Amino acid sequence: NARLKNEFSNLNWKFEDKSQELKDTEECAVKKEEQNRLVIKNLKEENKGLNICCADLLSDLEKLRKQEAQWKKEKSGNDAGIKNLETDLAETREQIKSLLSICSNLSFQVDVKQEELFQKDCDVFRAK
């Protein structure tokens, strides 16, 4: 009977020890679960913030793409304008060359006419 009481006491002690261990484990599990809920809540909030940031970045990207397309259009128009101006400049240079040639020719003719006029003045003077 004493042996059984002793064994019962040991079993009771082990039971209490295991009960306390179970209680501690349950408390630890509850704390871990609470921590996990908090971590999940924080991650969800962070995810919300990141989603908002991502949406803003996508909106900015779309604006920048539209702006790039507009700039490309403007650049294309400017390039065409520059090409037209270069063509006009080349044509103007050709006209200047042609006019310089005509001017040189006319200047030569003026020199010839002045020489002829000088000769005629001399002839008139001799004739007087």
C-alpha atoms as a PDB file:
ATOM      1  CA  ASN A   1       0.000   0.000   0.000  1.00  0.00           C
ATOM      2  CA  ALA A   2       2.874   2.342   0.848  1.00  0.00           C
ATOM      3  CA  ARG A   3       4.551   1.461  -2.386  1.00  0.00           C
ATOM      4  CA  LEU A   4       1.355   2.228  -4.247  1.00  0.00           C
ATOM      5  CA  LYS A   5       1.002   5.520  -2.348  1.00  0.00           C
ATOM      6  CA  ASN A   6       4.589   6.339  -3.198  1.00  0.00           C
ATOM      7  CA  GLU A   7       4.026   5.418  -6.837  1.00  0.00           C
ATOM      8  CA  PHE A   8       0.790   7.401  -6.817  1.00  0.00           C
ATOM      9  CA  SER A   9       2.636  10.359  -5.302  1.00  0.00           C
ATOM     10  CA  ASN A  10       5.342  10.089  -7.979  1.00  0.00           C
ATOM     11  CA  LEU A  11       2.737   9.809 -10.702  1.00  0.00           C
ATOM     12  CA  ASN A  12       0.827  12.706  -9.190  1.00  0.00           C
ATOM     13  CA  TRP A  13       4.054  14.754  -9.093  1.00  0.00           C
ATOM     14  CA  LYS A  14       4.801  13.796 -12.737  1.00  0.00           C
ATOM     15  CA  PHE A  15       1.189  14.646 -13.625  1.00  0.00           C
ATOM     16  CA  GLU A  16       1.456  18.060 -11.985  1.00  0.00           C
ATOM     17  CA  ASP A  17       4.837  18.569 -13.666  1.00  0.00           C
ATOM     18  CA  LYS A  18       3.402  17.584 -17.027  1.00  0.00           C
ATOM     19  CA  SER A  19       0.294  19.700 -16.374  1.00  0.00           C
ATOM     20  CA  GLN A  20       2.512  22.687 -15.616  1.00  0.00           C
ATOM     21  CA  GLU A  21       4.586  21.899 -18.708  1.00  0.00           C
ATOM     22  CA  LEU A  22       1.378  21.704 -20.757  1.00  0.00           C
ATOM     23  CA  LYS A  23       0.162  24.971 -19.264  1.00  0.00           C
ATOM     24  CA  ASP A  24       3.514  26.638 -20.011  1.00  0.00           C
ATOM     25  CA  THR A  25       3.464  25.234 -23.544  1.00  0.00           C
ATOM     26  CA  GLU A  26      -0.097  26.474 -24.071  1.00  0.00           C
ATOM     27  CA  GLU A  27       0.842  29.926 -22.746  1.00  0.00           C
ATOM     28  CA  CYS A  28       3.866  29.958 -25.033  1.00  0.00           C
ATOM     29  CA  ALA A  29       1.689  28.869 -27.957  1.00  0.00           C
ATOM     30  CA  VAL A  30      -0.841  31.624 -27.159  1.00  0.00           C
ATOM     31  CA  LYS A  31       1.972  34.201 -26.975  1.00  0.00           C
ATOM     32  CA  LYS A  32       3.435  32.941 -30.253  1.00  0.00           C
ATOM     33  CA  GLU A  33      -0.002  33.015 -31.851  1.00  0.00           C
ATOM     34  CA  GLU A  34      -0.506  36.589 -30.607  1.00  0.00           C
ATOM     35  CA  GLN A  35       2.926  37.557 -31.929  1.00  0.00           C
ATOM     36  CA  ASN A  36       2.123  35.915 -35.254  1.00  0.00           C
ATOM     37  CA  ARG A  37      -1.189  37.821 -35.436  1.00  0.00           C
ATOM     38  CA  LEU A  38       0.668  41.052 -34.714  1.00  0.00           C
ATOM     39  CA  VAL A  39       3.306  40.245 -37.337  1.00  0.00           C
ATOM     40  CA  ILE A  40       0.584  39.379 -39.866  1.00  0.00           C
ATOM     41  CA  LYS A  41      -1.258  42.620 -39.047  1.00  0.00           C
ATOM     42  CA  ASN A  42       1.939  44.635 -39.477  1.00  0.00           C
ATOM     43  CA  LEU A  43       2.754  42.839 -42.723  1.00  0.00           C
ATOM     44  CA  LYS A  44      -0.753  43.523 -44.038  1.00  0.00           C
ATOM     45  CA  GLU A  45      -0.385  47.220 -43.195  1.00  0.00           C
ATOM     46  CA  GLU A  46       3.043  47.292 -44.794  1.00  0.00           C
ATOM     47  CA  ASN A  47       1.631  45.513 -47.832  1.00  0.00           C
ATOM     48  CA  LYS A  48      -1.126  48.140 -48.063  1.00  0.00           C
ATOM     49  CA  GLY A  49       1.475  50.886 -47.974  1.00  0.00           C
ATOM     50  CA  LEU A  50       3.571  49.129 -50.582  1.00  0.00           C
ATOM     51  CA  ASN A  51       0.526  48.640 -52.808  1.00  0.00           C
ATOM     52  CA  ILE A  52      -0.253  52.359 -52.564  1.00  0.00           C
ATOM     53  CA  CYS A  53       3.386  53.177 -53.321  1.00  0.00           C
ATOM     54  CA  CYS A  54       3.358  50.754 -56.257  1.00  0.00           C
ATOM     55  CA  ALA A  55       0.148  52.321 -57.618  1.00  0.00           C
ATOM     56  CA  ASP A  56       1.727  55.782 -57.322  1.00  0.00           C
ATOM     57  CA  LEU A  57       4.853  54.582 -59.102  1.00  0.00           C
ATOM     58  CA  LEU A  58       2.790  53.022 -61.885  1.00  0.00           C
ATOM     59  CA  SER A  59       0.856  56.274 -62.242  1.00  0.00           C
ATOM     60  CA  ASP A  60       4.125  58.227 -62.406  1.00  0.00           C
ATOM     61  CA  LEU A  61       5.484  55.764 -64.949  1.00  0.00           C
ATOM     62  CA  GLU A  62       2.404  56.221 -67.137  1.00  0.00           C
ATOM     63  CA  LYS A  63       2.748  60.016 -66.924  1.00  0.00           C
ATOM     64  CA  LEU A  64       6.430  59.762 -67.843  1.00  0.00           C
ATOM     65  CA  ARG A  65       5.626  57.518 -70.808  1.00  0.00           C
ATOM     66  CA  LYS A  66       3.058  60.029 -72.060  1.00  0.00           C
ATOM     67  CA  GLN A  67       5.549  62.835 -71.568  1.00  0.00           C
ATOM     68  CA  GLU A  68       8.198  60.830 -73.433  1.00  0.00           C
ATOM     69  CA  ALA A  69       5.793  60.274 -76.338  1.00  0.00           C
ATOM     70  CA  GLN A  70       5.001  64.004 -76.412  1.00  0.00           C
ATOM     71  CA  TRP A  71       8.708  64.882 -76.349  1.00  0.00           C
ATOM     72  CA  LYS A  72       9.393  62.442 -79.152  1.00  0.00           C
ATOM     73  CA  LYS A  73       6.652  64.110 -81.206  1.00  0.00           C
ATOM     74  CA  GLU A  74       8.080  67.540 -80.479  1.00  0.00           C
ATOM     75  CA  LYS A  75      11.606  66.344 -81.292  1.00  0.00           C
ATOM     76  CA  SER A  76      10.385  64.868 -84.555  1.00  0.00           C
ATOM     77  CA  GLY A  77       8.735  68.184 -85.435  1.00  0.00           C
ATOM     78  CA  ASN A  78      11.864  70.100 -84.430  1.00  0.00           C
ATOM     79  CA  ASP A  79      14.049  67.754 -86.474  1.00  0.00           C
ATOM     80  CA  ALA A  80      11.823  68.305 -89.497  1.00  0.00           C
ATOM     81  CA  GLY A  81      12.005  72.076 -88.952  1.00  0.00           C
ATOM     82  CA  ILE A  82      15.799  71.917 -88.680  1.00  0.00           C
ATOM     83  CA  LYS A  83      16.005  69.874 -91.860  1.00  0.00           C
ATOM     84  CA  ASN A  84      13.814  72.432 -93.669  1.00  0.00           C
ATOM     85  CA  LEU A  85      15.988  75.279 -92.386  1.00  0.00           C
ATOM     86  CA  GLU A  86      19.126  73.467 -93.533  1.00  0.00           C
ATOM     87  CA  THR A  87      17.588  72.979 -96.969  1.00  0.00           C
ATOM     88  CA  ASP A  88      16.602  76.662 -97.101  1.00  0.00           C
ATOM     89  CA  LEU A  89      20.112  77.637 -96.009  1.00  0.00           C
ATOM     90  CA  ALA A  90      21.681  75.526 -98.752  1.00  0.00           C
ATOM     91  CA  GLU A  91      19.349  77.072-101.333  1.00  0.00           C
ATOM     92  CA  THR A  92      20.129  80.573-100.046  1.00  0.00           C
ATOM     93  CA  ARG A  93      23.862  79.884-100.298  1.00  0.00           C
ATOM     94  CA  GLU A  94      23.404  78.789-103.892  1.00  0.00           C
ATOM     95  CA  GLN A  95      21.431  81.953-104.621  1.00  0.00           C
ATOM     96  CA  ILE A  96      24.172  84.043-102.994  1.00  0.00           C
ATOM     97  CA  LYS A  97      26.804  82.329-105.168  1.00  0.00           C
ATOM     98  CA  SER A  98      24.701  82.999-108.244  1.00  0.00           C
ATOM     99  CA  LEU A  99      24.124  86.635-107.256  1.00  0.00           C
ATOM    100  CA  LEU A 100      27.832  87.105-106.507  1.00  0.00           C
ATOM    101  CA  SER A 101      28.637  85.763-109.965  1.00  0.00           C
ATOM    102  CA  ILE A 102      26.098  88.118-111.533  1.00  0.00           C
ATOM    103  CA  CYS A 103      27.471  91.011-109.439  1.00  0.00           C
ATOM    104  CA  SER A 104      31.018  90.204-110.521  1.00  0.00           C
ATOM    105  CA  ASN A 105      29.934  90.045-114.144  1.00  0.00           C
ATOM    106  CA  LEU A 106      28.094  93.351-113.856  1.00  0.00           C
ATOM    107  CA  SER A 107      31.075  94.929-112.134  1.00  0.00           C
ATOM    108  CA  PHE A 108      33.280  93.803-115.026  1.00  0.00           C
ATOM    109  CA  GLN A 109      30.791  95.263-117.496  1.00  0.00           C
ATOM    110  CA  VAL A 110      30.752  98.564-115.542  1.00  0.00           C
ATOM    111  CA  ASP A 111      34.557  98.642-115.717  1.00  0.00           C
ATOM    112  CA  VAL A 112      34.426  98.047-119.483  1.00  0.00           C
ATOM    113  CA  LYS A 113      31.755 100.742-119.934  1.00  0.00           C
ATOM    114  CA  GLN A 114      33.751 103.195-117.795  1.00  0.00           C
ATOM    115  CA  GLU A 115      36.809 102.497-119.970  1.00  0.00           C
ATOM    116  CA  GLU A 116      34.717 103.058-123.097  1.00  0.00           C
ATOM    117  CA  LEU A 117      33.286 106.251-121.590  1.00  0.00           C
ATOM    118  CA  PHE A 118      36.780 107.444-120.738  1.00  0.00           C
ATOM    119  CA  GLN A 119      37.885 106.759-124.320  1.00  0.00           C
ATOM    120  CA  LYS A 120      34.879 108.634-125.704  1.00  0.00           C
ATOM    121  CA  ASP A 121      35.579 111.561-123.370  1.00  0.00           C
ATOM    122  CA  CYS A 122      39.127 111.583-124.687  1.00  0.00           C
ATOM    123  CA  ASP A 123      37.850 111.453-128.278  1.00  0.00           C
ATOM    124  CA  VAL A 124      35.435 114.323-127.566  1.00  0.00           C
ATOM    125  CA  PHE A 125      38.235 116.327-125.982  1.00  0.00           C
ATOM    126  CA  ARG A 126      40.500 115.720-129.027  1.00  0.00           C
ATOM    127  CA  ALA A 127      37.682 116.561-131.349  1.00  0.00           C
ATOM    128  CA  LYS A 128      37.164 119.942-129.624  1.00  0.00           C
END
